[in-house]
Amino acid sequence: MLCNINASEALSAIINAATDRQRSIVECRLSGKGQREIAAEIGISQSRVSHDLTGLKERYTVEAAR
């Protein structure tokens, strides 16, 4: 149970620190959209979507390990 609390806190910290664009990307991804769809919807490149998702995943991994 303690691991779930830490993971939840880590995710919350990452989302709170994310930019509006990054939060939009996460929302789209969680709704099942692919990177190409997200890019078209938000008006950015697919590589930017990929870069932001990767950065958020890396931050989550670091935060969750604490």
Protein backbone atom coordinates (compact mmCIF):
# COMPACT_ATOMS: atom_id res chain seq x y z
CA MET A 1 0.00 0.00 0.00
CA LEU A 2 2.85 2.39 0.78
CA CYS A 3 4.18 2.00 -2.77
CA ASN A 4 0.82 3.05 -4.22
CA ILE A 5 0.77 6.15 -2.04
CA ASN A 6 4.28 7.12 -3.15
CA ALA A 7 3.43 6.52 -6.80
CA SER A 8 0.26 8.58 -6.46
CA GLU A 9 2.15 11.41 -4.80
CA ALA A 10 4.83 11.27 -7.48
CA LEU A 11 2.25 11.42 -10.26
CA SER A 12 0.49 14.32 -8.57
CA ALA A 13 3.77 16.23 -8.25
CA ILE A 14 4.59 15.67 -11.92
CA ILE A 15 1.16 16.77 -13.14
CA ASN A 16 1.23 19.86 -10.91
CA ALA A 17 4.65 20.84 -12.30
CA ALA A 18 3.70 20.14 -15.93
CA THR A 19 2.94 22.89 -18.39
CA ASP A 20 -0.58 23.36 -19.76
CA ARG A 21 0.54 21.75 -23.02
CA GLN A 22 1.97 18.74 -21.21
CA ARG A 23 -1.24 18.32 -19.21
CA SER A 24 -3.23 18.48 -22.46
CA ILE A 25 -0.99 15.81 -23.96
CA VAL A 26 -1.48 13.54 -20.94
CA GLU A 27 -5.25 14.04 -21.02
CA CYS A 28 -5.36 13.14 -24.72
CA ARG A 29 -3.14 10.12 -24.19
CA LEU A 30 -5.27 8.86 -21.32
CA SER A 31 -8.35 9.19 -23.51
CA GLY A 32 -6.74 6.74 -25.94
CA LYS A 33 -5.43 9.07 -28.61
CA GLY A 34 -2.19 8.32 -30.40
CA GLN A 35 0.70 10.72 -30.77
CA ARG A 36 -0.29 11.71 -34.31
CA GLU A 37 -3.84 12.53 -33.19
CA ILE A 38 -2.60 14.48 -30.19
CA ALA A 39 -0.20 16.48 -32.32
CA ALA A 40 -2.93 17.41 -34.79
CA GLU A 41 -5.38 18.34 -32.03
CA ILE A 42 -2.95 20.52 -30.10
CA GLY A 43 -1.17 21.92 -33.14
CA ILE A 44 2.35 20.71 -32.46
CA SER A 45 4.64 18.16 -34.09
CA GLN A 46 4.43 14.47 -33.31
CA SER A 47 8.07 14.56 -32.19
CA ARG A 48 7.17 17.30 -29.65
CA VAL A 49 4.42 15.07 -28.26
CA SER A 50 6.87 12.18 -28.01
CA HIS A 51 9.50 14.37 -26.35
CA ASP A 52 7.04 15.70 -23.76
CA LEU A 53 5.67 12.23 -22.95
CA THR A 54 9.19 10.84 -22.57
CA GLY A 55 10.19 13.71 -20.29
CA LEU A 56 7.12 13.22 -18.11
CA LYS A 57 7.77 9.47 -17.88
CA GLU A 58 11.38 10.10 -16.86
CA ARG A 59 10.34 12.60 -14.18
CA TYR A 60 7.74 10.15 -12.88
CA THR A 61 10.36 7.40 -12.64
CA VAL A 62 12.68 9.67 -10.64
CA GLU A 63 9.91 10.92 -8.34
CA ALA A 64 8.48 7.44 -7.76
CA ALA A 65 11.93 6.13 -6.79
CA ARG A 66 12.25 8.65 -3.96
